[in-house]
Amino acid sequence: MVIPFGPLKGKDAQVKRGCDCEALKIVKEEQQEAKKARLKRIFEENSFINPSLKEATFENFESNEFRQALQKAKRYVEEFDLKNPKNLFFQGSFGTGKSHLSMSIAKALTEKGYTTIFISTPKLLTKIRNTYNKESGISEEQIINAIADADLVVFDDIGAEGEISGWGMQKLFEVIDQRAGKHNIYTTNLSSIEFEASKDL
């Protein structure tokens, strides 16, 4: 961008107006990289992902019974648009591939340059509890802000292992509330009745 400091004459009077799109693109890329680095520090280094899911992709999804869910997951990636946020809710019994597909979506979008977080919700709640320790190197606010800032968050295994009531569910819905108006994926083994009941506990 040319910024004149006095009256210009002749050919010098041609001033470039508007934004420098290339410079703006570079700034946005730098901001995205900084956000990725922050998310990596908070989430990847503290492993919120079950080891069995780290190799999950669309290509190695083997459940023929849920091919329709696979196609919907792929379409979610294809249609992903930050200006048009959409949520997915995978519900079913253990071992049906909900987490596998969710991880596959997160990986595919990461490859496209988006910032994604895949969170095992029991591990998330444990990490938040640990921030109450004075020796914790990270705060609850930092965790919640990082979650709120990501392009996509997968909340995996909601309601697992006794975390369906009391402080755990209250804190989880507090975190989820920060994601209003953004892309989210939720997985749960709970039935619809169990899930609805847990929100009131």
N, C-alpha and C. Protein backbone atom coordinates (compact mmCIF):
# COMPACT_ATOMS: atom_id res chain seq x y z
N MET A 1 0.85 -1.19 0.00
CA MET A 1 0.00 0.00 0.00
C MET A 1 0.89 1.24 0.00
N VAL A 2 0.55 2.23 -0.86
CA VAL A 2 1.30 3.48 -0.91
C VAL A 2 0.63 4.50 -0.01
N ILE A 3 1.37 5.08 0.91
CA ILE A 3 0.82 6.07 1.83
C ILE A 3 1.49 7.41 1.55
N PRO A 4 0.81 8.38 0.89
CA PRO A 4 1.43 9.67 0.57
C PRO A 4 1.52 10.55 1.81
N PHE A 5 2.63 11.30 1.92
CA PHE A 5 2.82 12.22 3.05
C PHE A 5 2.68 13.66 2.60
N GLY A 6 2.19 13.89 1.42
CA GLY A 6 1.98 15.24 0.91
C GLY A 6 1.33 15.15 -0.45
N PRO A 7 1.00 16.25 -1.07
CA PRO A 7 0.36 16.23 -2.38
C PRO A 7 1.29 15.67 -3.44
N LEU A 8 0.77 14.80 -4.29
CA LEU A 8 1.55 14.21 -5.37
C LEU A 8 1.09 14.76 -6.70
N LYS A 9 2.01 14.79 -7.65
CA LYS A 9 1.69 15.33 -8.96
C LYS A 9 2.10 14.33 -10.03
N GLY A 10 1.49 14.49 -11.20
CA GLY A 10 1.86 13.67 -12.34
C GLY A 10 1.64 12.20 -12.08
N LYS A 11 2.60 11.38 -12.58
CA LYS A 11 2.44 9.94 -12.45
C LYS A 11 2.48 9.49 -10.99
N ASP A 12 3.12 10.33 -10.12
CA ASP A 12 3.18 9.97 -8.70
C ASP A 12 1.83 10.10 -8.01
N ALA A 13 0.86 10.74 -8.72
CA ALA A 13 -0.45 10.96 -8.11
C ALA A 13 -1.29 9.69 -8.11
N GLN A 14 -0.82 8.62 -8.80
CA GLN A 14 -1.56 7.38 -8.82
C GLN A 14 -1.29 6.61 -7.53
N VAL A 15 -2.26 6.62 -6.66
CA VAL A 15 -2.12 5.99 -5.35
C VAL A 15 -2.87 4.66 -5.35
N LYS A 16 -2.21 3.62 -4.88
CA LYS A 16 -2.85 2.31 -4.77
C LYS A 16 -3.81 2.33 -3.60
N ARG A 17 -5.06 2.03 -3.87
CA ARG A 17 -6.07 2.06 -2.83
C ARG A 17 -6.47 0.63 -2.43
N GLY A 18 -7.07 0.53 -1.26
CA GLY A 18 -7.51 -0.76 -0.77
C GLY A 18 -6.40 -1.50 -0.05
N CYS A 19 -6.67 -2.75 0.30
CA CYS A 19 -5.70 -3.50 1.09
C CYS A 19 -4.70 -4.20 0.19
N ASP A 20 -3.55 -4.48 0.74
CA ASP A 20 -2.56 -5.31 0.07
C ASP A 20 -2.91 -6.75 0.40
N CYS A 21 -3.59 -7.41 -0.53
CA CYS A 21 -4.13 -8.74 -0.26
C CYS A 21 -3.04 -9.76 0.04
N GLU A 22 -1.89 -9.62 -0.61
CA GLU A 22 -0.81 -10.57 -0.37
C GLU A 22 -0.28 -10.44 1.05
N ALA A 23 -0.12 -9.19 1.51
CA ALA A 23 0.35 -8.96 2.88
C ALA A 23 -0.68 -9.46 3.89
N LEU A 24 -1.95 -9.23 3.60
CA LEU A 24 -3.02 -9.70 4.49
C LEU A 24 -3.03 -11.22 4.57
N LYS A 25 -2.79 -11.86 3.44
CA LYS A 25 -2.74 -13.33 3.40
C LYS A 25 -1.61 -13.84 4.28
N ILE A 26 -0.45 -13.18 4.20
CA ILE A 26 0.71 -13.60 4.99
C ILE A 26 0.42 -13.45 6.49
N VAL A 27 -0.22 -12.34 6.85
CA VAL A 27 -0.56 -12.10 8.26
C VAL A 27 -1.51 -13.19 8.76
N LYS A 28 -2.52 -13.53 7.96
CA LYS A 28 -3.49 -14.55 8.35
C LYS A 28 -2.82 -15.91 8.50
N GLU A 29 -1.89 -16.21 7.59
CA GLU A 29 -1.18 -17.48 7.67
C GLU A 29 -0.33 -17.55 8.94
N GLU A 30 0.32 -16.42 9.28
CA GLU A 30 1.13 -16.38 10.49
C GLU A 30 0.27 -16.55 11.74
N GLN A 31 -0.92 -15.94 11.73
CA GLN A 31 -1.83 -16.07 12.86
C GLN A 31 -2.32 -17.51 13.00
N GLN A 32 -2.58 -18.16 11.85
CA GLN A 32 -3.03 -19.54 11.86
C GLN A 32 -1.94 -20.46 12.39
N GLU A 33 -0.69 -20.22 12.00
CA GLU A 33 0.42 -21.03 12.48
C GLU A 33 0.63 -20.85 13.98
N ALA A 34 0.46 -19.62 14.45
CA ALA A 34 0.60 -19.36 15.89
C ALA A 34 -0.50 -20.08 16.67
N LYS A 35 -1.70 -20.10 16.10
CA LYS A 35 -2.82 -20.79 16.76
C LYS A 35 -2.56 -22.30 16.79
N LYS A 36 -2.03 -22.84 15.69
CA LYS A 36 -1.72 -24.27 15.64
C LYS A 36 -0.67 -24.63 16.68
N ALA A 37 0.34 -23.78 16.81
CA ALA A 37 1.41 -24.04 17.78
C ALA A 37 0.87 -24.04 19.20
N ARG A 38 -0.05 -23.11 19.49
CA ARG A 38 -0.65 -23.03 20.82
C ARG A 38 -1.49 -24.28 21.12
N LEU A 39 -2.27 -24.71 20.14
CA LEU A 39 -3.09 -25.90 20.33
C LEU A 39 -2.22 -27.14 20.50
N LYS A 40 -1.14 -27.22 19.74
CA LYS A 40 -0.24 -28.37 19.87
C LYS A 40 0.37 -28.44 21.26
N ARG A 41 0.76 -27.28 21.76
CA ARG A 41 1.38 -27.24 23.09
C ARG A 41 0.39 -27.70 24.16
N ILE A 42 -0.85 -27.25 24.06
CA ILE A 42 -1.83 -27.55 25.10
C ILE A 42 -2.40 -28.96 24.98
N PHE A 43 -2.67 -29.39 23.74
CA PHE A 43 -3.41 -30.64 23.56
C PHE A 43 -2.56 -31.83 23.12
N GLU A 44 -1.73 -31.67 22.11
CA GLU A 44 -0.99 -32.82 21.62
C GLU A 44 0.05 -33.30 22.61
N GLU A 45 0.77 -32.36 23.22
CA GLU A 45 1.82 -32.76 24.14
C GLU A 45 1.26 -33.38 25.42
N ASN A 46 -0.02 -33.14 25.69
CA ASN A 46 -0.64 -33.70 26.89
C ASN A 46 -1.60 -34.83 26.53
N SER A 47 -1.55 -35.28 25.30
CA SER A 47 -2.27 -36.45 24.79
C SER A 47 -3.71 -36.56 25.28
N PHE A 48 -4.62 -35.96 24.53
CA PHE A 48 -6.05 -36.09 24.80
C PHE A 48 -6.66 -37.15 23.90
N ILE A 49 -5.80 -37.87 23.16
CA ILE A 49 -6.28 -38.82 22.17
C ILE A 49 -5.91 -40.24 22.60
N ASN A 50 -6.88 -41.15 22.53
CA ASN A 50 -6.58 -42.55 22.82
C ASN A 50 -5.62 -43.09 21.77
N PRO A 51 -4.56 -43.80 22.17
CA PRO A 51 -3.55 -44.30 21.23
C PRO A 51 -4.12 -45.09 20.06
N SER A 52 -5.21 -45.82 20.29
CA SER A 52 -5.79 -46.65 19.24
C SER A 52 -6.36 -45.84 18.08
N LEU A 53 -6.57 -44.55 18.30
CA LEU A 53 -7.17 -43.70 17.26
C LEU A 53 -6.15 -42.92 16.44
N LYS A 54 -4.91 -42.94 16.83
CA LYS A 54 -3.91 -42.07 16.19
C LYS A 54 -3.68 -42.42 14.72
N GLU A 55 -3.97 -43.66 14.32
CA GLU A 55 -3.78 -44.06 12.93
C GLU A 55 -5.09 -44.06 12.15
N ALA A 56 -6.17 -43.59 12.74
CA ALA A 56 -7.48 -43.64 12.08
C ALA A 56 -7.54 -42.72 10.87
N THR A 57 -8.06 -43.24 9.76
CA THR A 57 -8.28 -42.45 8.54
C THR A 57 -9.57 -42.95 7.88
N PHE A 58 -10.04 -42.22 6.87
CA PHE A 58 -11.19 -42.70 6.10
C PHE A 58 -10.83 -44.01 5.39
N GLU A 59 -9.58 -44.11 4.93
CA GLU A 59 -9.15 -45.25 4.14
C GLU A 59 -9.16 -46.56 4.94
N ASN A 60 -8.85 -46.49 6.25
CA ASN A 60 -8.83 -47.74 7.01
C ASN A 60 -10.07 -47.94 7.89
N PHE A 61 -11.13 -47.22 7.56
CA PHE A 61 -12.42 -47.44 8.24
C PHE A 61 -13.04 -48.70 7.64
N GLU A 62 -13.25 -49.73 8.44
CA GLU A 62 -13.61 -51.05 7.91
C GLU A 62 -15.04 -51.49 8.18
N SER A 63 -15.85 -50.66 8.78
CA SER A 63 -17.21 -51.09 9.13
C SER A 63 -18.15 -50.96 7.93
N ASN A 64 -18.49 -52.09 7.32
CA ASN A 64 -19.42 -52.07 6.19
C ASN A 64 -20.83 -51.68 6.62
N GLU A 65 -21.14 -51.93 7.89
CA GLU A 65 -22.48 -51.63 8.41
C GLU A 65 -22.75 -50.13 8.46
N PHE A 66 -21.69 -49.34 8.53
CA PHE A 66 -21.86 -47.90 8.67
C PHE A 66 -21.24 -47.12 7.51
N ARG A 67 -21.39 -47.66 6.30
CA ARG A 67 -20.85 -46.99 5.11
C ARG A 67 -21.52 -45.64 4.88
N GLN A 68 -22.81 -45.55 5.24
CA GLN A 68 -23.53 -44.29 5.07
C GLN A 68 -22.93 -43.21 5.97
N ALA A 69 -22.56 -43.59 7.19
CA ALA A 69 -21.92 -42.64 8.10
C ALA A 69 -20.58 -42.19 7.55
N LEU A 70 -19.85 -43.11 6.90
CA LEU A 70 -18.57 -42.77 6.28
C LEU A 70 -18.76 -41.72 5.20
N GLN A 71 -19.76 -41.89 4.37
CA GLN A 71 -20.02 -40.93 3.29
C GLN A 71 -20.40 -39.56 3.85
N LYS A 72 -21.20 -39.56 4.92
CA LYS A 72 -21.57 -38.29 5.53
C LYS A 72 -20.36 -37.59 6.13
N ALA A 73 -19.45 -38.37 6.70
CA ALA A 73 -18.23 -37.80 7.28
C ALA A 73 -17.37 -37.17 6.20
N LYS A 74 -17.25 -37.85 5.07
CA LYS A 74 -16.45 -37.30 3.95
C LYS A 74 -17.10 -36.03 3.41
N ARG A 75 -18.42 -36.03 3.33
CA ARG A 75 -19.12 -34.85 2.83
C ARG A 75 -18.95 -33.67 3.78
N TYR A 76 -18.89 -33.96 5.08
CA TYR A 76 -18.68 -32.91 6.08
C TYR A 76 -17.36 -32.19 5.80
N VAL A 77 -16.33 -32.95 5.46
CA VAL A 77 -15.03 -32.36 5.14
C VAL A 77 -15.11 -31.54 3.85
N GLU A 78 -15.76 -32.09 2.84
CA GLU A 78 -15.87 -31.41 1.55
C GLU A 78 -16.62 -30.09 1.66
N GLU A 79 -17.63 -30.06 2.51
CA GLU A 79 -18.48 -28.87 2.62
C GLU A 79 -18.06 -27.95 3.76
N PHE A 80 -16.95 -28.23 4.41
CA PHE A 80 -16.51 -27.46 5.57
C PHE A 80 -16.29 -26.00 5.18
N ASP A 81 -16.97 -25.11 5.88
CA ASP A 81 -16.90 -23.68 5.60
C ASP A 81 -17.02 -22.93 6.92
N LEU A 82 -16.00 -22.15 7.26
CA LEU A 82 -16.02 -21.43 8.53
C LEU A 82 -17.20 -20.46 8.64
N LYS A 83 -17.72 -20.02 7.50
CA LYS A 83 -18.83 -19.08 7.51
C LYS A 83 -20.18 -19.79 7.66
N ASN A 84 -20.17 -21.10 7.56
CA ASN A 84 -21.42 -21.88 7.66
C ASN A 84 -21.20 -23.07 8.59
N PRO A 85 -21.07 -22.81 9.90
CA PRO A 85 -20.75 -23.88 10.85
C PRO A 85 -21.84 -24.94 10.95
N LYS A 86 -21.39 -26.20 11.04
CA LYS A 86 -22.30 -27.32 11.18
C LYS A 86 -21.79 -28.28 12.26
N ASN A 87 -22.72 -28.95 12.92
CA ASN A 87 -22.38 -29.91 13.95
C ASN A 87 -22.74 -31.32 13.49
N LEU A 88 -21.96 -32.29 13.96
CA LEU A 88 -22.27 -33.70 13.76
C LEU A 88 -22.42 -34.35 15.13
N PHE A 89 -23.34 -35.28 15.23
CA PHE A 89 -23.55 -36.01 16.48
C PHE A 89 -23.56 -37.49 16.17
N PHE A 90 -22.50 -38.20 16.59
CA PHE A 90 -22.41 -39.64 16.39
C PHE A 90 -22.83 -40.34 17.69
N GLN A 91 -23.87 -41.14 17.58
CA GLN A 91 -24.41 -41.83 18.76
C GLN A 91 -24.54 -43.31 18.45
N GLY A 92 -24.04 -44.15 19.36
CA GLY A 92 -24.14 -45.59 19.14
C GLY A 92 -23.33 -46.34 20.16
N SER A 93 -23.41 -47.65 20.11
CA SER A 93 -22.73 -48.49 21.09
C SER A 93 -21.23 -48.51 20.85
N PHE A 94 -20.51 -49.04 21.81
CA PHE A 94 -19.05 -49.11 21.76
C PHE A 94 -18.59 -49.92 20.55
N GLY A 95 -17.56 -49.42 19.85
CA GLY A 95 -16.95 -50.17 18.76
C GLY A 95 -17.60 -50.02 17.41
N THR A 96 -18.51 -49.06 17.25
CA THR A 96 -19.19 -48.88 15.97
C THR A 96 -18.45 -47.93 15.02
N GLY A 97 -17.38 -47.33 15.48
CA GLY A 97 -16.57 -46.49 14.59
C GLY A 97 -16.82 -44.99 14.71
N LYS A 98 -17.54 -44.56 15.72
CA LYS A 98 -17.83 -43.13 15.89
C LYS A 98 -16.56 -42.31 16.04
N SER A 99 -15.69 -42.76 16.93
CA SER A 99 -14.45 -42.02 17.19
C SER A 99 -13.51 -42.08 15.99
N HIS A 100 -13.50 -43.23 15.33
CA HIS A 100 -12.65 -43.40 14.15
C HIS A 100 -13.02 -42.38 13.07
N LEU A 101 -14.31 -42.26 12.78
CA LEU A 101 -14.75 -41.31 11.76
C LEU A 101 -14.48 -39.87 12.19
N SER A 102 -14.70 -39.58 13.46
CA SER A 102 -14.46 -38.23 13.95
C SER A 102 -12.99 -37.85 13.83
N MET A 103 -12.11 -38.78 14.19
CA MET A 103 -10.68 -38.53 14.05
C MET A 103 -10.29 -38.35 12.58
N SER A 104 -10.90 -39.14 11.71
CA SER A 104 -10.62 -39.04 10.28
C SER A 104 -11.00 -37.66 9.74
N ILE A 105 -12.13 -37.15 10.20
CA ILE A 105 -12.56 -35.81 9.79
C ILE A 105 -11.55 -34.77 10.27
N ALA A 106 -11.16 -34.87 11.54
CA ALA A 106 -10.21 -33.91 12.09
C ALA A 106 -8.88 -33.94 11.33
N LYS A 107 -8.39 -35.12 11.00
CA LYS A 107 -7.14 -35.24 10.26
C LYS A 107 -7.25 -34.62 8.87
N ALA A 108 -8.35 -34.93 8.18
CA ALA A 108 -8.54 -34.42 6.82
C ALA A 108 -8.59 -32.89 6.81
N LEU A 109 -9.25 -32.30 7.80
CA LEU A 109 -9.35 -30.84 7.86
C LEU A 109 -8.01 -30.22 8.28
N THR A 110 -7.26 -30.90 9.13
CA THR A 110 -5.93 -30.41 9.49
C THR A 110 -5.04 -30.35 8.26
N GLU A 111 -5.14 -31.36 7.40
CA GLU A 111 -4.36 -31.39 6.17
C GLU A 111 -4.74 -30.24 5.24
N LYS A 112 -5.97 -29.75 5.37
CA LYS A 112 -6.42 -28.62 4.57
C LYS A 112 -6.03 -27.28 5.17
N GLY A 113 -5.38 -27.32 6.33
CA GLY A 113 -4.90 -26.09 6.96
C GLY A 113 -5.75 -25.56 8.09
N TYR A 114 -6.81 -26.25 8.44
CA TYR A 114 -7.66 -25.79 9.54
C TYR A 114 -7.08 -26.24 10.89
N THR A 115 -7.44 -25.52 11.93
CA THR A 115 -7.01 -25.92 13.28
C THR A 115 -8.10 -26.80 13.89
N THR A 116 -7.71 -27.98 14.32
CA THR A 116 -8.66 -28.93 14.86
C THR A 116 -8.17 -29.47 16.20
N ILE A 117 -9.12 -29.84 17.04
CA ILE A 117 -8.81 -30.48 18.32
C ILE A 117 -9.70 -31.71 18.45
N PHE A 118 -9.07 -32.84 18.77
CA PHE A 118 -9.82 -34.06 19.07
C PHE A 118 -9.62 -34.32 20.55
N ILE A 119 -10.71 -34.31 21.31
CA ILE A 119 -10.63 -34.42 22.76
C ILE A 119 -11.39 -35.62 23.26
N SER A 120 -10.71 -36.49 23.99
CA SER A 120 -11.40 -37.50 24.78
C SER A 120 -11.95 -36.75 26.00
N THR A 121 -13.27 -36.64 26.12
CA THR A 121 -13.83 -35.78 27.17
C THR A 121 -13.45 -36.21 28.59
N PRO A 122 -13.33 -37.50 28.90
CA PRO A 122 -12.86 -37.85 30.26
C PRO A 122 -11.46 -37.30 30.51
N LYS A 123 -10.59 -37.36 29.49
CA LYS A 123 -9.23 -36.84 29.66
C LYS A 123 -9.23 -35.32 29.76
N LEU A 124 -10.15 -34.67 29.03
CA LEU A 124 -10.27 -33.22 29.12
C LEU A 124 -10.64 -32.80 30.54
N LEU A 125 -11.63 -33.48 31.10
CA LEU A 125 -12.07 -33.13 32.46
C LEU A 125 -10.96 -33.38 33.48
N THR A 126 -10.20 -34.43 33.28
CA THR A 126 -9.05 -34.70 34.17
C THR A 126 -8.03 -33.58 34.06
N LYS A 127 -7.78 -33.13 32.83
CA LYS A 127 -6.81 -32.05 32.63
C LYS A 127 -7.28 -30.75 33.27
N ILE A 128 -8.57 -30.47 33.17
CA ILE A 128 -9.10 -29.25 33.79
C ILE A 128 -8.97 -29.35 35.31
N ARG A 129 -9.28 -30.52 35.86
CA ARG A 129 -9.11 -30.70 37.31
C ARG A 129 -7.66 -30.45 37.72
N ASN A 130 -6.73 -30.92 36.91
CA ASN A 130 -5.31 -30.78 37.23
C ASN A 130 -4.85 -29.32 37.25
N THR A 131 -5.59 -28.45 36.55
CA THR A 131 -5.19 -27.04 36.55
C THR A 131 -5.43 -26.39 37.91
N TYR A 132 -6.24 -27.03 38.74
CA TYR A 132 -6.50 -26.48 40.07
C TYR A 132 -5.31 -26.68 41.00
N ASN A 133 -4.38 -27.51 40.57
CA ASN A 133 -3.14 -27.71 41.31
C ASN A 133 -2.23 -26.50 41.09
N LYS A 134 -1.68 -25.95 42.13
CA LYS A 134 -0.84 -24.76 42.03
C LYS A 134 0.39 -24.97 41.15
N GLU A 135 0.80 -26.22 41.01
CA GLU A 135 1.99 -26.52 40.23
C GLU A 135 1.69 -26.74 38.75
N SER A 136 0.43 -26.62 38.38
CA SER A 136 0.05 -26.82 36.98
C SER A 136 0.67 -25.74 36.11
N GLY A 137 1.21 -26.17 34.97
CA GLY A 137 1.82 -25.20 34.05
C GLY A 137 0.84 -24.57 33.09
N ILE A 138 -0.42 -24.91 33.23
CA ILE A 138 -1.45 -24.37 32.33
C ILE A 138 -2.72 -24.11 33.12
N SER A 139 -3.47 -23.13 32.72
CA SER A 139 -4.68 -22.77 33.47
C SER A 139 -5.94 -23.29 32.77
N GLU A 140 -7.01 -23.38 33.54
CA GLU A 140 -8.30 -23.77 32.97
C GLU A 140 -8.71 -22.78 31.88
N GLU A 141 -8.46 -21.52 32.10
CA GLU A 141 -8.82 -20.49 31.12
C GLU A 141 -8.09 -20.70 29.81
N GLN A 142 -6.82 -21.08 29.87
CA GLN A 142 -6.05 -21.32 28.65
C GLN A 142 -6.63 -22.49 27.86
N ILE A 143 -7.01 -23.54 28.56
CA ILE A 143 -7.60 -24.70 27.90
C ILE A 143 -8.91 -24.31 27.21
N ILE A 144 -9.79 -23.64 27.95
CA ILE A 144 -11.10 -23.27 27.40
C ILE A 144 -10.96 -22.29 26.25
N ASN A 145 -10.06 -21.32 26.37
CA ASN A 145 -9.86 -20.35 25.30
C ASN A 145 -9.33 -21.01 24.04
N ALA A 146 -8.42 -21.97 24.20
CA ALA A 146 -7.87 -22.69 23.05
C ALA A 146 -8.96 -23.49 22.35
N ILE A 147 -9.82 -24.13 23.14
CA ILE A 147 -10.94 -24.88 22.57
C ILE A 147 -11.88 -23.94 21.82
N ALA A 148 -12.16 -22.80 22.41
CA ALA A 148 -13.07 -21.84 21.79
C ALA A 148 -12.51 -21.30 20.48
N ASP A 149 -11.19 -21.27 20.34
CA ASP A 149 -10.54 -20.63 19.20
C ASP A 149 -10.36 -21.55 18.00
N ALA A 150 -10.46 -22.86 18.18
CA ALA A 150 -10.19 -23.81 17.11
C ALA A 150 -11.28 -23.78 16.04
N ASP A 151 -10.91 -24.17 14.81
CA ASP A 151 -11.87 -24.21 13.72
C ASP A 151 -12.86 -25.36 13.89
N LEU A 152 -12.37 -26.49 14.40
CA LEU A 152 -13.22 -27.65 14.66
C LEU A 152 -12.79 -28.30 15.97
N VAL A 153 -13.76 -28.70 16.78
CA VAL A 153 -13.46 -29.48 17.97
C VAL A 153 -14.32 -30.74 17.97
N VAL A 154 -13.65 -31.87 18.22
CA VAL A 154 -14.36 -33.14 18.40
C VAL A 154 -14.40 -33.44 19.89
N PHE A 155 -15.60 -33.52 20.45
CA PHE A 155 -15.80 -33.92 21.85
C PHE A 155 -16.13 -35.41 21.84
N ASP A 156 -15.13 -36.23 22.08
CA ASP A 156 -15.29 -37.66 21.96
C ASP A 156 -15.67 -38.32 23.28
N ASP A 157 -16.60 -39.26 23.19
CA ASP A 157 -16.96 -40.10 24.34
C ASP A 157 -17.62 -39.29 25.46
N ILE A 158 -18.58 -38.46 25.10
CA ILE A 158 -19.31 -37.69 26.12
C ILE A 158 -20.12 -38.63 27.01
N GLY A 159 -19.99 -38.43 28.31
CA GLY A 159 -20.77 -39.23 29.25
C GLY A 159 -20.12 -40.53 29.64
N ALA A 160 -18.84 -40.71 29.27
CA ALA A 160 -18.17 -41.99 29.56
C ALA A 160 -17.77 -42.10 31.02
N GLU A 161 -17.83 -43.30 31.52
CA GLU A 161 -17.23 -43.66 32.80
C GLU A 161 -17.54 -42.76 33.97
N GLY A 162 -18.81 -42.58 34.23
CA GLY A 162 -19.19 -41.86 35.44
C GLY A 162 -19.09 -40.35 35.35
N GLU A 163 -18.74 -39.80 34.14
CA GLU A 163 -18.63 -38.35 34.01
C GLU A 163 -19.94 -37.74 33.52
N ILE A 164 -21.06 -38.43 33.78
CA ILE A 164 -22.33 -37.97 33.23
C ILE A 164 -23.14 -37.15 34.24
N SER A 165 -22.54 -36.83 35.37
CA SER A 165 -23.30 -36.04 36.34
C SER A 165 -22.38 -35.12 37.13
N GLY A 166 -22.99 -34.25 37.91
CA GLY A 166 -22.23 -33.39 38.80
C GLY A 166 -21.29 -32.44 38.09
N TRP A 167 -20.13 -32.21 38.71
CA TRP A 167 -19.16 -31.24 38.19
C TRP A 167 -18.73 -31.56 36.77
N GLY A 168 -18.52 -32.85 36.46
CA GLY A 168 -18.02 -33.23 35.15
C GLY A 168 -18.92 -32.76 34.02
N MET A 169 -20.20 -33.07 34.10
CA MET A 169 -21.11 -32.69 33.02
C MET A 169 -21.33 -31.18 33.01
N GLN A 170 -21.38 -30.56 34.17
CA GLN A 170 -21.55 -29.11 34.23
C GLN A 170 -20.38 -28.41 33.54
N LYS A 171 -19.16 -28.87 33.82
CA LYS A 171 -17.98 -28.26 33.22
C LYS A 171 -17.93 -28.50 31.72
N LEU A 172 -18.32 -29.72 31.32
CA LEU A 172 -18.30 -30.04 29.91
C LEU A 172 -19.25 -29.16 29.12
N PHE A 173 -20.45 -28.96 29.62
CA PHE A 173 -21.40 -28.11 28.91
C PHE A 173 -20.97 -26.64 28.94
N GLU A 174 -20.23 -26.26 29.96
CA GLU A 174 -19.66 -24.91 30.00
C GLU A 174 -18.65 -24.73 28.87
N VAL A 175 -17.82 -25.75 28.67
CA VAL A 175 -16.84 -25.71 27.59
C VAL A 175 -17.54 -25.70 26.23
N ILE A 176 -18.53 -26.59 26.07
CA ILE A 176 -19.25 -26.68 24.81
C ILE A 176 -19.96 -25.37 24.48
N ASP A 177 -20.45 -24.69 25.50
CA ASP A 177 -21.14 -23.41 25.29
C ASP A 177 -20.23 -22.38 24.63
N GLN A 178 -18.93 -22.48 24.91
CA GLN A 178 -17.97 -21.56 24.31
C GLN A 178 -17.81 -21.81 22.80
N ARG A 179 -18.31 -22.95 22.33
CA ARG A 179 -18.19 -23.31 20.93
C ARG A 179 -19.44 -22.97 20.13
N ALA A 180 -20.36 -22.26 20.70
CA ALA A 180 -21.59 -21.91 19.99
C ALA A 180 -21.26 -21.15 18.71
N GLY A 181 -21.89 -21.55 17.61
CA GLY A 181 -21.67 -20.88 16.33
C GLY A 181 -20.42 -21.34 15.61
N LYS A 182 -19.84 -22.47 16.03
CA LYS A 182 -18.65 -23.01 15.36
C LYS A 182 -18.86 -24.49 15.06
N HIS A 183 -17.94 -25.05 14.27
CA HIS A 183 -18.03 -26.46 13.90
C HIS A 183 -17.66 -27.35 15.07
N ASN A 184 -18.53 -28.33 15.36
CA ASN A 184 -18.28 -29.27 16.44
C ASN A 184 -18.75 -30.66 16.05
N ILE A 185 -18.08 -31.67 16.59
CA ILE A 185 -18.51 -33.06 16.43
C ILE A 185 -18.59 -33.67 17.82
N TYR A 186 -19.67 -34.39 18.08
CA TYR A 186 -19.87 -35.02 19.38
C TYR A 186 -20.06 -36.52 19.19
N THR A 187 -19.43 -37.31 20.04
CA THR A 187 -19.69 -38.75 20.03
C THR A 187 -20.08 -39.19 21.43
N THR A 188 -20.99 -40.15 21.50
CA THR A 188 -21.41 -40.67 22.81
C THR A 188 -21.94 -42.09 22.68
N ASN A 189 -21.74 -42.88 23.73
CA ASN A 189 -22.32 -44.22 23.81
C ASN A 189 -23.69 -44.19 24.49
N LEU A 190 -24.06 -43.01 25.02
CA LEU A 190 -25.32 -42.89 25.75
C LEU A 190 -26.50 -42.95 24.79
N SER A 191 -27.60 -43.47 25.26
CA SER A 191 -28.84 -43.41 24.49
C SER A 191 -29.38 -41.98 24.57
N SER A 192 -30.33 -41.66 23.73
CA SER A 192 -30.92 -40.32 23.75
C SER A 192 -31.50 -39.98 25.11
N ILE A 193 -32.16 -40.95 25.73
CA ILE A 193 -32.77 -40.72 27.05
C ILE A 193 -31.69 -40.45 28.09
N GLU A 194 -30.63 -41.27 28.08
CA GLU A 194 -29.53 -41.10 29.03
C GLU A 194 -28.84 -39.75 28.85
N PHE A 195 -28.64 -39.37 27.59
CA PHE A 195 -27.96 -38.11 27.31
C PHE A 195 -28.78 -36.91 27.79
N GLU A 196 -30.07 -36.92 27.50
CA GLU A 196 -30.93 -35.83 27.93
C GLU A 196 -30.99 -35.76 29.46
N ALA A 197 -31.06 -36.93 30.11
CA ALA A 197 -31.14 -36.98 31.56
C ALA A 197 -29.87 -36.45 32.20
N SER A 198 -28.72 -36.71 31.57
CA SER A 198 -27.43 -36.29 32.14
C SER A 198 -27.30 -34.78 32.19
N LYS A 199 -27.94 -34.09 31.28
CA LYS A 199 -27.84 -32.62 31.24
C LYS A 199 -28.55 -31.97 32.42
N ASP A 200 -29.48 -32.72 33.03
CA ASP A 200 -30.25 -32.16 34.14
C ASP A 200 -29.68 -32.52 35.52
N LEU A 201 -28.59 -33.31 35.52
CA LEU A 201 -28.03 -33.75 36.80
C LEU A 201 -27.06 -32.75 37.37
